[in-house]
Protein backbone atom coordinates (compact mmCIF):
# COMPACT_ATOMS: atom_id res chain seq x y z
CA MET A 1 97.56 58.23 12.86
CA PHE A 2 100.81 56.40 12.07
CA LEU A 3 101.71 52.77 12.69
CA SER A 4 104.97 52.53 14.61
CA GLU A 5 105.09 48.86 15.62
CA LEU A 6 103.27 45.55 15.21
CA SER A 7 103.95 42.65 17.57
CA ALA A 8 102.42 39.55 19.16
CA SER A 9 102.50 37.83 22.53
CA ASP A 10 104.32 34.81 21.03
CA ARG A 11 108.06 35.47 21.09
CA ARG A 12 108.50 33.71 17.78
CA PHE A 13 106.47 36.46 16.09
CA LYS A 14 108.67 38.97 14.25
CA THR A 15 108.04 42.45 15.60
CA LEU A 16 107.80 44.98 12.79
CA SER A 17 108.78 48.63 13.22
CA PHE A 18 107.63 51.35 10.84
CA HIS A 19 108.56 54.96 10.09
CA PRO A 20 106.78 57.89 8.39
CA GLY A 21 106.55 57.98 4.61
CA LEU A 22 107.04 54.93 2.40
CA ASN A 23 107.63 51.59 4.16
CA ILE A 24 108.48 48.46 2.18
CA LEU A 25 108.09 45.13 3.99
CA LEU A 26 110.14 42.59 2.05
CA ALA A 27 109.81 38.83 1.94
CA ASP A 28 112.48 36.56 0.47
CA ARG A 29 111.10 33.71 -1.59
CA THR A 30 112.90 30.45 -2.23
CA ALA A 31 112.43 28.36 -5.34
CA ALA A 32 110.36 25.84 -3.37
CA SER A 33 107.93 28.54 -2.29
CA GLU A 34 106.85 29.11 -5.84
CA HIS A 35 104.80 25.94 -5.56
CA GLY A 36 102.82 27.46 -2.67
CA GLU A 37 103.53 25.18 0.30
CA THR A 38 101.34 27.08 2.80
CA ARG A 39 99.25 30.20 3.00
CA ASN A 40 101.44 31.75 5.70
CA SER A 41 104.91 30.77 4.54
CA SER A 42 106.28 34.35 4.79
CA GLY A 43 103.41 36.38 6.21
CA LYS A 44 103.12 39.50 4.01
CA THR A 45 99.36 39.18 3.62
CA SER A 46 99.04 38.05 7.24
CA PHE A 47 100.55 41.37 8.32
CA VAL A 48 97.79 43.23 6.46
CA LYS A 49 95.07 41.03 7.95
CA ILE A 50 96.43 41.41 11.49
CA LEU A 51 96.39 45.18 11.10
CA ARG A 52 92.79 45.09 9.85
CA TYR A 53 91.86 42.81 12.75
CA LEU A 54 93.33 45.21 15.31
CA LEU A 55 91.42 48.10 13.76
CA GLY A 56 88.02 46.42 14.19
CA GLY A 57 87.93 43.86 11.40
CA ASP A 58 86.74 40.25 11.61
CA LEU A 59 89.08 37.45 12.59
CA PRO A 60 90.40 35.87 9.35
CA PRO A 61 89.37 32.20 9.02
CA GLU A 62 92.99 30.99 8.87
CA PHE A 63 93.69 32.70 12.22
CA LYS A 64 91.22 30.36 13.92
CA ALA A 65 93.90 27.66 13.90
CA THR A 66 94.55 26.00 17.24
CA GLU A 67 98.20 27.16 17.16
CA LEU A 68 97.06 30.82 17.29
CA SER A 69 94.35 30.50 19.96
CA GLU A 70 96.54 32.09 22.65
CA HIS A 71 97.99 34.82 20.42
CA ARG A 72 97.57 38.44 21.38
CA PHE A 73 98.38 40.97 18.67
CA THR A 74 99.46 44.49 19.52
CA ALA A 75 99.89 47.60 17.38
CA ARG A 76 101.52 50.79 18.57
CA VAL A 77 100.23 53.84 16.74
CA VAL A 78 101.00 57.52 17.01
CA LEU A 79 98.12 59.99 17.24
CA PRO A 80 98.52 63.72 16.58
CA GLY A 81 98.65 65.62 19.87
CA HIS A 82 95.74 67.76 21.05
CA ASN A 83 96.02 71.53 20.65
CA HIS A 84 99.02 71.02 18.34
CA GLY A 85 100.98 69.46 21.20
CA ASP A 86 103.32 66.49 21.10
CA ALA A 87 102.14 63.30 19.43
CA GLU A 88 100.63 60.62 21.64
CA GLU A 89 101.52 56.94 21.38
CA VAL A 90 98.67 54.47 21.77
CA SER A 91 98.75 50.70 22.22
CA ILE A 92 96.00 48.60 20.61
CA ALA A 93 95.77 44.93 21.60
CA ARG A 94 93.34 42.17 20.64
CA THR A 95 93.47 38.47 21.37
CA VAL A 96 92.40 35.63 19.09
CA SER A 97 90.42 33.81 21.78
CA ALA A 98 88.47 36.89 22.98
CA SER A 99 87.90 38.62 19.68
CA ASN A 100 85.03 40.75 20.99
CA LYS A 101 87.29 42.83 23.25
CA VAL A 102 89.96 45.43 22.45
CA GLU A 103 92.50 46.72 24.96
CA LEU A 104 93.63 50.32 24.58
CA SER A 105 96.40 52.10 26.39
CA GLY A 106 97.13 55.79 25.99
CA TRP A 107 94.06 56.73 23.96
CA PRO A 108 92.95 60.18 25.18
CA GLU A 109 89.24 59.34 25.38
CA VAL A 110 89.55 55.92 27.02
CA GLU A 111 90.58 54.95 30.54
CA THR A 112 93.82 52.96 30.71
CA ASN A 113 93.51 49.16 31.01
CA ASN A 114 89.79 49.31 30.41
CA PRO A 115 88.92 46.78 27.66
CA LEU A 116 86.42 48.03 25.11
CA ARG A 117 83.67 46.05 23.48
CA LEU A 118 84.37 45.66 19.77
CA ASP A 119 81.35 47.80 18.82
CA ASP A 120 82.54 50.59 21.12
CA TRP A 121 85.99 50.42 19.52
CA LYS A 122 84.45 50.76 16.08
CA ASP A 123 82.37 53.73 17.26
CA LEU A 124 85.50 55.35 18.69
CA LEU A 125 87.35 54.93 15.39
CA SER A 126 84.36 56.32 13.48
CA ARG A 127 84.24 59.44 15.66
CA SER A 128 87.89 60.12 16.44
CA VAL A 129 89.74 58.86 13.37
CA PHE A 130 87.31 59.24 10.46
CA HIS A 131 85.02 61.88 11.99
CA ILE A 132 81.93 60.21 10.55
CA PRO A 133 78.76 62.12 11.56
CA GLY A 134 76.77 60.27 14.19
CA ASP A 135 73.48 60.51 12.29
CA VAL A 136 74.63 58.60 9.20
CA THR A 137 75.03 54.85 8.78
CA ARG A 138 77.31 54.94 5.75
CA PRO A 139 80.18 54.86 5.29
CA THR A 140 81.25 52.65 8.15
CA ASN A 141 84.77 52.70 9.54
CA GLY A 142 85.13 49.12 8.26
CA GLN A 143 84.38 50.22 4.70
CA LEU A 144 86.93 53.02 4.96
CA TRP A 145 89.60 50.72 6.38
CA ALA A 146 88.89 48.33 3.49
CA GLN A 147 89.84 51.13 1.12
CA LEU A 148 92.93 52.17 3.08
CA ILE A 149 94.18 48.71 4.06
CA ARG A 150 93.21 46.57 1.10
CA THR A 151 92.72 42.81 1.04
CA TYR A 152 90.45 42.83 -2.05
CA PHE A 153 91.76 43.89 -5.47
CA GLY A 154 88.98 42.79 -7.80
CA ASN A 155 87.57 46.30 -8.30
CA PRO A 156 89.22 49.67 -7.62
CA ILE A 157 86.13 51.23 -6.06
CA LYS A 158 85.15 48.32 -3.80
CA GLY A 159 86.61 47.17 -0.50
CA HIS A 160 85.10 43.70 -0.90
CA HIS A 161 83.23 41.85 -3.62
CA ALA A 162 79.79 42.16 -1.96
CA GLU A 163 79.95 45.93 -1.50
CA SER A 164 77.00 47.52 -3.31
CA ASP A 165 77.43 50.36 -5.79
CA TRP A 166 75.65 52.88 -3.60
CA GLU A 167 77.86 51.99 -0.62
CA SER A 168 80.96 52.38 -2.78
CA GLY A 169 79.66 55.78 -3.93
CA VAL A 170 79.07 56.96 -0.35
CA LYS A 171 82.49 55.72 0.80
CA LEU A 172 84.47 57.32 -2.03
CA GLY A 173 82.36 60.49 -1.95
CA PHE A 174 83.06 60.80 1.78
CA MET A 175 86.81 60.48 1.15
CA LEU A 176 86.60 63.04 -1.65
CA GLY A 177 84.95 65.53 0.72
CA LEU A 178 81.26 65.24 -0.22
CA SER A 179 78.38 65.11 2.26
CA PRO A 180 77.66 61.59 3.55
CA GLU A 181 74.19 62.75 4.68
CA ILE A 182 73.24 63.41 1.05
CA LEU A 183 75.06 60.47 -0.53
CA SER A 184 73.71 57.88 1.94
CA ARG A 185 70.14 58.68 0.88
CA ALA A 186 70.88 56.38 -2.05
CA GLY A 187 70.63 53.53 0.45
CA ASP A 188 67.02 54.41 1.21
CA LEU A 189 66.22 54.33 -2.50
CA ASP A 190 68.07 51.04 -2.92
CA ARG A 191 66.09 49.40 -0.09
CA LEU A 192 62.83 50.80 -1.47
CA ASP A 193 63.59 49.45 -4.93
CA LYS A 194 64.50 46.02 -3.52
CA GLN A 195 61.22 45.95 -1.58
CA ARG A 196 59.28 46.85 -4.72
CA LYS A 197 60.98 44.09 -6.72
CA ALA A 198 60.56 41.53 -3.94
CA ILE A 199 56.85 42.29 -3.51
CA ARG A 200 56.15 42.20 -7.23
CA LYS A 201 58.03 38.93 -7.59
CA ALA A 202 56.21 37.38 -4.64
CA ILE A 203 52.83 38.42 -6.04
CA GLN A 204 53.62 37.17 -9.53
CA GLU A 205 54.83 33.83 -8.16
CA GLY A 206 51.75 33.44 -5.97
CA ALA A 207 53.55 33.65 -2.63
CA LEU A 208 51.24 36.50 -1.60
CA ALA A 209 47.97 35.15 -2.97
CA HIS A 210 45.83 37.71 -1.12
CA LEU A 211 47.56 40.59 -2.91
CA SER A 212 47.00 41.68 -6.47
CA LEU A 213 48.43 44.35 -8.72
CA ASP A 214 45.20 44.63 -10.77
CA GLU A 215 43.76 47.85 -9.34
CA SER A 216 40.80 48.04 -11.74
CA SER A 217 39.60 44.53 -10.86
CA LEU A 218 39.97 45.20 -7.14
CA ARG A 219 38.03 48.46 -7.51
CA ALA A 220 35.14 46.65 -9.23
CA GLN A 221 35.07 43.93 -6.58
CA LEU A 222 35.11 46.54 -3.84
CA ALA A 223 32.19 48.45 -5.38
CA THR A 224 30.11 45.24 -5.50
CA ALA A 225 31.02 44.31 -1.93
CA ARG A 226 30.13 47.78 -0.64
CA ARG A 227 26.78 47.75 -2.45
CA GLN A 228 25.84 44.35 -1.00
CA ARG A 229 27.01 45.42 2.45
CA ASP A 230 24.98 48.65 2.38
CA ARG A 231 21.84 46.88 1.15
CA MET A 232 22.06 44.29 3.90
CA ARG A 233 22.72 47.02 6.48
CA ASP A 234 19.56 48.89 5.38
CA ASP A 235 17.52 45.68 5.58
CA LEU A 236 18.70 45.01 9.09
CA ARG A 237 17.76 48.53 10.21
CA ALA A 238 14.12 47.84 9.12
CA PHE A 239 13.86 44.52 10.92
CA LYS A 240 11.70 44.14 14.08
CA VAL A 241 12.88 41.22 16.11
CA ASP A 242 10.09 39.02 17.56
CA GLU A 243 11.31 36.56 20.13
CA ARG A 244 7.92 34.63 19.84
CA TYR A 245 8.29 34.47 16.06
CA ALA A 246 8.45 30.67 16.15
CA ASP A 247 5.21 30.47 18.21
CA HIS A 248 3.47 32.76 15.74
CA GLN A 249 4.71 30.66 12.88
CA ARG A 250 3.31 27.51 14.51
CA GLU A 251 -0.03 29.29 15.17
CA ALA A 252 -0.22 30.34 11.51
CA ASP A 253 0.45 26.78 10.45
CA ARG A 254 -2.27 25.48 12.84
CA LEU A 255 -4.84 27.97 11.53
CA SER A 256 -3.98 27.12 7.94
CA GLY A 257 -4.48 23.44 8.74
CA ALA A 258 -7.85 24.07 10.41
CA ILE A 259 -9.04 26.17 7.45
CA ARG A 260 -7.94 23.46 5.08
CA LEU A 261 -10.00 20.85 7.01
CA LEU A 262 -13.06 23.13 6.97
CA ASN A 263 -12.68 23.65 3.25
CA ASP A 264 -12.53 19.90 2.68
CA GLU A 265 -15.64 19.36 4.85
CA GLY A 266 -17.49 22.19 3.10
CA LEU A 267 -16.78 20.71 -0.34
CA SER A 268 -18.14 17.34 0.84
CA LEU A 269 -21.29 18.91 2.31
CA GLN A 270 -21.92 20.92 -0.86
CA ARG A 271 -21.89 17.70 -2.85
CA ARG A 272 -24.37 16.24 -0.32
CA VAL A 273 -26.67 19.24 -0.73
CA ARG A 274 -26.77 18.71 -4.49
CA GLU A 275 -27.52 15.02 -4.04
CA LEU A 276 -30.35 15.71 -1.56
CA GLU A 277 -31.92 18.38 -3.76
CA GLU A 278 -31.89 16.03 -6.78
CA THR A 279 -33.45 13.20 -4.74
CA LEU A 280 -36.21 15.43 -3.38
CA GLN A 281 -36.98 16.62 -6.86
CA ASP A 282 -37.41 13.02 -8.07
CA GLU A 283 -39.62 12.21 -5.10
CA VAL A 284 -41.91 15.10 -5.88
CA THR A 285 -42.45 14.04 -9.51
CA SER A 286 -43.18 10.41 -8.73
CA THR A 287 -45.75 10.56 -5.83
CA ALA A 288 -49.08 11.58 -7.50
CA SER A 289 -51.60 8.56 -6.98
CA ASP A 290 -54.02 9.59 -9.71
CA ASP A 291 -51.23 9.64 -12.12
CA LEU A 292 -50.11 6.22 -10.97
CA THR A 293 -53.64 4.82 -11.30
CA ALA A 294 -54.03 6.23 -14.78
CA ARG A 295 -50.76 4.76 -15.83
CA LEU A 296 -51.78 1.37 -14.42
CA GLY A 297 -55.09 1.47 -16.39
CA ARG A 298 -53.24 2.22 -19.57
CA VAL A 299 -51.03 -0.77 -19.02
CA TYR A 300 -54.04 -3.10 -18.65
CA ALA A 301 -55.76 -1.55 -21.66
CA GLU A 302 -52.74 -2.07 -23.79
CA ILE A 303 -52.86 -5.76 -23.08
CA GLY A 304 -56.69 -5.93 -23.75
CA LEU A 305 -57.84 -6.35 -20.18
CA VAL A 306 -60.17 -4.34 -17.99
CA LEU A 307 -58.75 -3.40 -14.67
CA PRO A 308 -60.99 -4.96 -11.99
CA ASP A 309 -62.38 -2.78 -9.24
CA THR A 310 -60.83 -4.96 -6.62
CA VAL A 311 -57.42 -4.36 -8.08
CA THR A 312 -58.06 -0.70 -8.27
CA ARG A 313 -59.13 -0.56 -4.66
CA ARG A 314 -56.18 -2.67 -3.60
CA TYR A 315 -53.75 -0.50 -5.51
CA GLU A 316 -55.21 2.61 -3.97
CA ASP A 317 -54.50 1.17 -0.59
CA VAL A 318 -50.95 0.36 -1.61
CA ALA A 319 -50.53 3.79 -3.18
CA ALA A 320 -51.73 5.40 0.02
CA PHE A 321 -49.16 3.44 1.97
CA HIS A 322 -46.46 4.26 -0.54
CA GLU A 323 -47.35 7.90 -0.39
CA SER A 324 -47.06 7.76 3.35
CA VAL A 325 -43.60 6.21 2.99
CA VAL A 326 -42.54 8.74 0.41
CA ARG A 327 -43.85 11.58 2.51
CA ASN A 328 -41.86 10.35 5.46
CA ARG A 329 -38.74 9.97 3.24
CA ARG A 330 -39.13 13.47 1.88
CA LEU A 331 -39.49 14.78 5.38
CA PHE A 332 -36.28 12.99 6.37
CA LEU A 333 -34.42 14.29 3.29
CA GLU A 334 -35.64 17.82 3.88
CA GLN A 335 -34.53 17.69 7.50
CA GLU A 336 -31.08 16.34 6.44
CA LEU A 337 -30.82 19.08 3.81
CA ILE A 338 -31.60 21.70 6.43
CA ALA A 339 -28.92 20.20 8.71
CA VAL A 340 -26.33 20.12 5.94
CA ARG A 341 -27.04 23.71 4.95
CA SER A 342 -26.85 24.74 8.58
CA ARG A 343 -23.43 23.04 8.90
CA LEU A 344 -22.25 24.77 5.73
CA THR A 345 -23.25 28.09 7.25
CA THR A 346 -21.36 27.23 10.44
CA ILE A 347 -18.31 26.13 8.45
CA ASP A 348 -18.35 29.36 6.46
CA GLN A 349 -18.52 31.43 9.65
CA GLU A 350 -15.76 29.39 11.32
CA ARG A 351 -13.60 29.62 8.23
CA ARG A 352 -13.95 33.41 8.08
CA ARG A 353 -13.07 33.62 11.77
CA LEU A 354 -9.98 31.43 11.38
CA ASP A 355 -8.93 33.25 8.22
CA GLN A 356 -9.14 36.57 10.06
CA GLN A 357 -6.97 35.20 12.87
CA ARG A 358 -4.48 33.82 10.36
CA SER A 359 -4.34 37.19 8.55
CA GLN A 360 -3.45 38.88 11.81
CA VAL A 361 -0.68 36.35 12.53
CA MET A 362 0.67 36.56 8.95
CA GLN A 363 0.78 40.35 9.14
CA LEU A 364 2.75 40.06 12.37
CA LEU A 365 5.16 37.64 10.68
CA SER A 366 5.57 39.90 7.67
CA GLU A 367 6.45 42.87 9.86
CA THR A 368 8.93 41.06 12.14
CA VAL A 369 11.77 38.59 11.92
CA ALA A 370 12.87 35.76 14.16
CA LEU A 371 15.75 36.43 16.57
CA ASP A 372 17.89 33.63 15.16
CA THR A 373 17.22 34.89 11.64
CA PHE A 374 18.23 38.39 12.73
CA LEU A 375 21.44 37.11 14.36
CA SER A 376 22.25 35.13 11.25
CA ALA A 377 21.69 38.25 9.15
CA GLN A 378 24.01 40.17 11.48
CA ARG A 379 26.69 37.54 10.99
CA ASP A 380 26.24 37.79 7.24
CA LEU A 381 26.56 41.56 7.46
CA ALA A 382 29.74 41.26 9.52
CA GLN A 383 31.19 38.96 6.87
CA ARG A 384 30.21 41.41 4.12
CA GLU A 385 31.89 44.22 6.04
CA ALA A 386 35.03 42.10 6.54
CA ASP A 387 35.10 41.27 2.82
CA ALA A 388 34.78 44.95 1.93
CA ALA A 389 37.50 45.91 4.44
CA ASP A 390 39.82 43.21 3.06
CA LEU A 391 39.29 44.47 -0.49
CA GLU A 392 39.97 48.02 0.70
CA ARG A 393 43.28 46.89 2.23
CA ARG A 394 44.20 44.95 -0.88
CA LEU A 395 43.40 47.95 -3.06
CA ASP A 396 45.46 50.21 -0.80
CA ALA A 397 48.35 47.73 -1.01
CA ALA A 398 48.08 47.58 -4.80
CA GLN A 399 48.03 51.37 -5.00
CA SER A 400 51.01 51.60 -2.66
CA ILE A 401 52.97 49.10 -4.72
CA SER A 402 52.08 50.95 -7.91
CA MET A 403 53.12 54.24 -6.35
CA ILE A 404 56.52 52.90 -5.24
CA SER A 405 57.92 53.29 -8.73
CA ASP A 406 56.67 56.87 -8.92
CA THR A 407 58.08 57.57 -5.47
CA ILE A 408 61.44 56.10 -6.45
CA LYS A 409 61.54 58.22 -9.61
CA LEU A 410 60.67 61.38 -7.68
CA LYS A 411 63.17 60.76 -4.87
CA THR A 412 65.84 59.72 -7.35
CA ALA A 413 65.42 62.97 -9.27
CA GLN A 414 65.62 64.92 -6.02
CA LEU A 415 68.73 63.03 -4.91
CA VAL A 416 70.46 63.48 -8.26
CA ALA A 417 69.80 67.21 -8.02
CA ALA A 418 71.13 67.27 -4.44
CA ILE A 419 74.30 65.40 -5.41
CA ARG A 420 74.91 67.75 -8.31
CA ALA A 421 74.45 70.73 -6.02
CA GLU A 422 76.87 69.18 -3.51
CA MET A 423 79.43 68.53 -6.25
CA HIS A 424 79.08 72.11 -7.42
CA GLU A 425 79.63 73.39 -3.88
CA ARG A 426 82.73 71.18 -3.45
CA GLU A 427 83.86 71.79 -7.01
CA GLU A 428 87.32 73.11 -6.16
CA GLN A 429 88.43 70.19 -4.01
CA LEU A 430 86.90 67.72 -6.50
CA TYR A 431 88.91 69.34 -9.28
CA GLU A 432 92.06 68.94 -7.19
CA SER A 433 91.47 65.20 -6.84
CA ILE A 434 90.51 64.76 -10.51
CA SER A 435 93.53 66.77 -11.62
CA LEU A 436 95.88 64.80 -9.34
CA PHE A 437 94.56 61.55 -10.76
CA GLY A 438 95.30 62.74 -14.29
CA GLU A 439 98.81 63.88 -13.31
CA LEU A 440 99.62 60.56 -11.72
CA GLY A 441 98.39 58.72 -14.82
CA ALA A 442 100.62 60.85 -17.03
CA GLU A 443 103.57 60.12 -14.75
CA ILE A 444 103.05 56.36 -14.80
CA TYR A 445 102.07 56.09 -18.49
CA THR A 446 103.46 58.27 -21.24
CA ASP A 447 101.16 56.79 -23.87
CA ARG A 448 97.86 56.68 -22.00
CA GLU A 449 95.42 59.18 -20.65
CA ALA A 450 94.02 58.83 -17.13
CA SER A 451 90.72 60.29 -15.99
CA LEU A 452 88.78 60.20 -12.73
CA LEU A 453 85.09 60.46 -13.60
CA VAL A 454 82.85 61.65 -10.78
CA SER A 455 79.14 62.06 -11.49
CA ALA A 456 75.64 61.75 -10.09
CA GLY A 457 74.39 58.48 -11.51
CA PRO A 458 70.82 58.11 -12.86
CA LYS A 459 69.84 56.04 -9.80
CA GLY A 460 70.94 58.68 -7.33
CA ILE A 461 74.27 56.94 -6.71
CA LEU A 462 77.55 58.82 -6.79
CA ALA A 463 79.57 57.20 -9.57
CA VAL A 464 83.35 57.32 -9.17
CA GLU A 465 85.12 55.66 -12.08
CA PRO A 466 88.90 55.63 -12.52
CA GLN A 467 89.85 55.23 -16.18
CA ILE A 468 93.09 54.71 -18.06
CA SER A 469 92.76 54.67 -21.83
CA GLY A 470 93.73 51.65 -23.89
CA ASP A 471 93.25 48.00 -23.08
CA ALA A 472 91.63 47.16 -19.74
CA SER A 473 94.25 44.59 -18.68
CA SER A 474 94.59 43.45 -15.08
CA GLY A 475 97.80 45.45 -14.81
CA VAL A 476 96.08 48.66 -15.89
CA ARG A 477 93.22 47.91 -13.49
CA SER A 478 95.73 47.56 -10.67
CA VAL A 479 97.31 50.91 -11.52
CA GLU A 480 93.83 52.47 -11.46
CA THR A 481 93.39 51.01 -7.97
CA PHE A 482 96.73 52.42 -6.79
CA MET A 483 95.99 55.89 -8.17
CA LEU A 484 92.44 55.98 -6.79
CA ASP A 485 93.61 54.94 -3.32
CA ILE A 486 96.37 57.58 -3.32
CA VAL A 487 94.01 60.34 -4.49
CA CYS A 488 91.23 59.39 -2.02
CA THR A 489 93.71 59.14 0.87
CA ILE A 490 95.13 62.60 0.20
CA SER A 491 91.67 64.13 -0.23
CA ALA A 492 90.40 62.48 2.99
CA ILE A 493 93.47 63.66 4.92
CA LYS A 494 92.84 67.23 3.77
CA ALA A 495 89.22 66.97 4.89
CA GLN A 496 90.29 65.32 8.19
CA ARG A 497 88.29 62.23 7.29
CA ALA A 498 91.02 59.58 7.37
CA PRO A 499 94.09 58.55 9.35
CA ARG A 500 97.42 59.18 7.72
CA ILE A 501 98.00 55.60 6.65
CA LEU A 502 97.64 53.62 3.41
CA VAL A 503 98.59 49.96 3.05
CA HIS A 504 98.95 47.97 -0.16
CA ASP A 505 99.64 44.25 -0.25
CA SER A 506 101.96 42.82 -2.90
CA HIS A 507 98.97 41.30 -4.72
CA LEU A 508 98.16 44.77 -6.03
CA PHE A 509 101.43 44.93 -7.99
CA ASP A 510 101.60 41.34 -9.26
CA ALA A 511 100.15 42.18 -12.70
CA ILE A 512 101.82 45.58 -13.14
CA ASP A 513 104.89 46.02 -15.31
CA GLY A 514 108.10 46.66 -13.37
CA ARG A 515 108.56 50.18 -14.75
CA GLN A 516 105.05 51.15 -13.70
CA VAL A 517 105.60 49.62 -10.25
CA ALA A 518 108.73 51.74 -9.88
CA SER A 519 106.68 54.83 -10.79
CA CYS A 520 103.98 53.86 -8.28
CA LEU A 521 106.49 53.41 -5.47
CA HIS A 522 108.23 56.65 -6.36
CA ILE A 523 104.86 58.46 -6.36
CA GLY A 524 103.90 56.87 -3.04
CA ALA A 525 107.19 57.94 -1.42
CA ARG A 526 106.95 61.50 -2.76
CA LEU A 527 103.30 62.12 -1.91
CA ALA A 528 103.58 60.44 1.52
CA GLU A 529 106.32 62.89 2.40
CA LYS A 530 104.49 65.85 0.86
CA TYR A 531 101.13 65.25 2.52
CA GLY A 532 102.44 63.64 5.68
CA PHE A 533 101.01 60.14 5.51
CA GLN A 534 102.42 56.65 5.89
CA TYR A 535 102.44 54.39 2.85
CA ILE A 536 103.16 50.74 3.65
CA VAL A 537 103.79 48.22 0.87
CA THR A 538 104.56 44.50 1.09
CA LEU A 539 106.65 43.01 -1.73
CA ASN A 540 108.72 39.99 -2.54
CA SER A 541 112.44 40.78 -2.66
CA ASP A 542 112.99 39.27 -6.09
CA PHE A 543 110.10 41.28 -7.50
CA LEU A 544 111.50 44.50 -6.00
CA ALA A 545 114.91 43.71 -7.48
CA SER A 546 113.39 43.43 -10.96
CA VAL A 547 111.50 46.68 -10.40
CA GLU A 548 114.70 48.46 -9.42
CA LEU A 549 116.44 47.04 -12.46
CA GLN A 550 113.69 48.11 -14.87
CA SER A 551 113.56 51.61 -13.41
CA ASN A 552 117.04 52.27 -14.82
CA GLY A 553 118.16 53.80 -11.55
CA THR A 554 115.30 56.27 -11.28
CA PHE A 555 114.02 54.64 -8.09
CA ASP A 556 116.15 53.46 -5.18
CA PRO A 557 114.05 51.40 -2.74
CA ARG A 558 116.73 50.89 -0.09
CA PRO A 559 115.84 53.90 2.12
CA TYR A 560 112.29 52.58 2.46
CA VAL A 561 112.92 48.89 3.13
CA LEU A 562 112.21 47.82 6.72
CA ASP A 563 114.97 46.26 8.77
CA SER A 564 112.82 43.21 9.50
CA ARG A 565 112.63 40.86 6.53
CA LEU A 566 110.48 37.85 6.09
CA THR A 567 111.43 34.62 4.38
CA ASP A 568 109.85 31.30 3.61
CA GLU A 569 113.23 29.56 3.54
CA SER A 570 112.72 28.00 6.97
CA GLU A 571 109.93 27.24 9.44
CA THR A 572 110.96 30.22 11.58
CA GLY A 573 111.51 32.73 8.80
CA GLY A 574 107.91 33.88 8.41
CA LEU A 575 106.03 36.56 10.32
CA PHE A 576 104.68 34.15 12.95
CA GLY A 577 108.00 32.31 13.42
CA PHE A 578 106.33 28.98 12.66
CA ARG A 579 103.96 27.52 10.13
CA PHE A 580 100.40 26.44 10.84
CA GLY A 581 97.30 25.33 9.03
C-alpha cells in the first residue's frame, strides 16, 4: 500500500502528493518560529497525525478545536492489484465531527459509499493489510501503525510510552516473521502475574480480610471445624424428638415437688414418733402407786413424823385417780403413735409410687429431646457446616494463590522453549534482519558496532534490543530507532505482514548529527527502491540544507523533495492554511 495523496475538505488545506521511494516533506522556518508560536505553525507533525487518524487512530486532542469541527480528511492510497493485475486506487475519508465512521471508495472488499464503523475498518486493516491471524489479540493494527508511522520517539521498540514489554515483543516478533500465536502467550502470563501480585497485595493490606496465605493455619482450623461438625451431626442422628417434651418436663418437676413435700412431712412425723415413745416411756416408770406410797412414807419418816392412816387412805384415792388419768393419757399417746406410724407408712408408699412415676418420666426425658432444642441443634449444625465450607474455600484459595507462582514458572519455561524453537525454525530470516541491522550500523558509523539482539527473555517475552556501541546519547538512540524501523519494515514486507509504507517525523532526526542523517536518508532512499516501499520523512528546510552540506555531496535530496512545501512565515503557509488553537 502506497500513499499517493492527502487532502482535506477545507480548500485552504494544502494537498500533498507522494511518489514511490523516498519522499521528503519540507517546511521552511522563519526566525520567529524558533520561539514556538503555535503547535501547528507549519504542520509537519500534523501530517503524520492526520495519516494515523485516517488509518484508524484516535483523534489528536489538538484536532478537537472548533475551527476543525467540519474538516474531512481524505487519503488516496494505492493497493497492489489482485492476481498480479493493475494496482487499485482507494480513497479513505474520515471527518472530525463523526470520528467513529470511515468512508471507503474503491476498496475491493467494501461496497462503494458504504461508511464503515471504526472497529470494522480496523478489522479490515488487520486482515487485508497486516494479515494478522483472527485468533490472536496481539499485535493490533494500531500497534503496527505506531511502529510504521511514528509519533513517539522515546524508545526504539515502543510505539507509545505505555506499551508493555510483552506487547512490544509480540509486535516486533510479528514484523520479524515469528509466530504471533506463540509470542502473544506472554500476555496470558503477564495477566496471571499481575493477578497474583494484586491478590497478594490486597491480602497483605487487609482488603481481603476473609482470605489468608497461611495454609497450615487454615488446615488446622478446618480440621477442628470438621471434627466439631461431625460430632454434632452424630449427636443429632441419635436424638428422638418428643413434641410433648415440655409437658413431661413439667410432670417431672411436679412429681419432684410432691416427693419433696412427702419427705418433709415424713421427717416431721419421725420426730413426733420419737417424742411420743419417750413420753410413753416416762409415763410407764412413774405410775406405780405402791412405789409412790413408799416414797411418801420415806419423806415423812425423814422429817420425824408418822404418816397418818387418813392421809394414806386419802393419797390412795388420789393415786387411783392419777393412775386413771395417766392410763387415759397413755392410751391417747399410744393411739397417736399408731396414727403417726400409719401415716409414715402411707407416706413411704406414696413416695415410692411417685418416685417410680418420676423415674419413668426422667427416663423418657433422657432418651428424647425437645423439638425446639432439636431445631436449635440443627441450626448450630448448619452453622458448623457453613464454617467448615468457608474454611475449605479459603484453603482452596490460599492453595490456588500459592500455586500461581509455580504455574507461572512452568508456563514461562514452556513459553521460553516454544519461542526458542520458533526462532530456530525462522533462523534464516532472523539472520537476514540481524545482518542487515549490522550492515546499516557500519554504513552510518565507521567507529561503532551495531547489533540487533533477539532472544527469548526469562519471562517468556521476546526481547528485541537494538544496540550501537559507545555512549548511549539521544542521537545514537534515534539512529537505533531508524535502523530498527527500516529492518522491521523490510522483514514485514517480505513476510507480507505490513503495507509498503514507513513514515518518520522530523523529531526523529533532531538529535542526530548531520552526517548520520545524510546516511540515514541515503539508506532510506536506496532500500525503499530496492524493496519497493515508500519512505516518507518530514524535515525543516534549514536542517536539510545543513545535512546536505555536511554530507560533502554524497547525498542529493532534491529528487526526493515534494513539490508542496510548508512554511510558518504566514498564517496561510502551514498545512491547514490557517492557524488554530
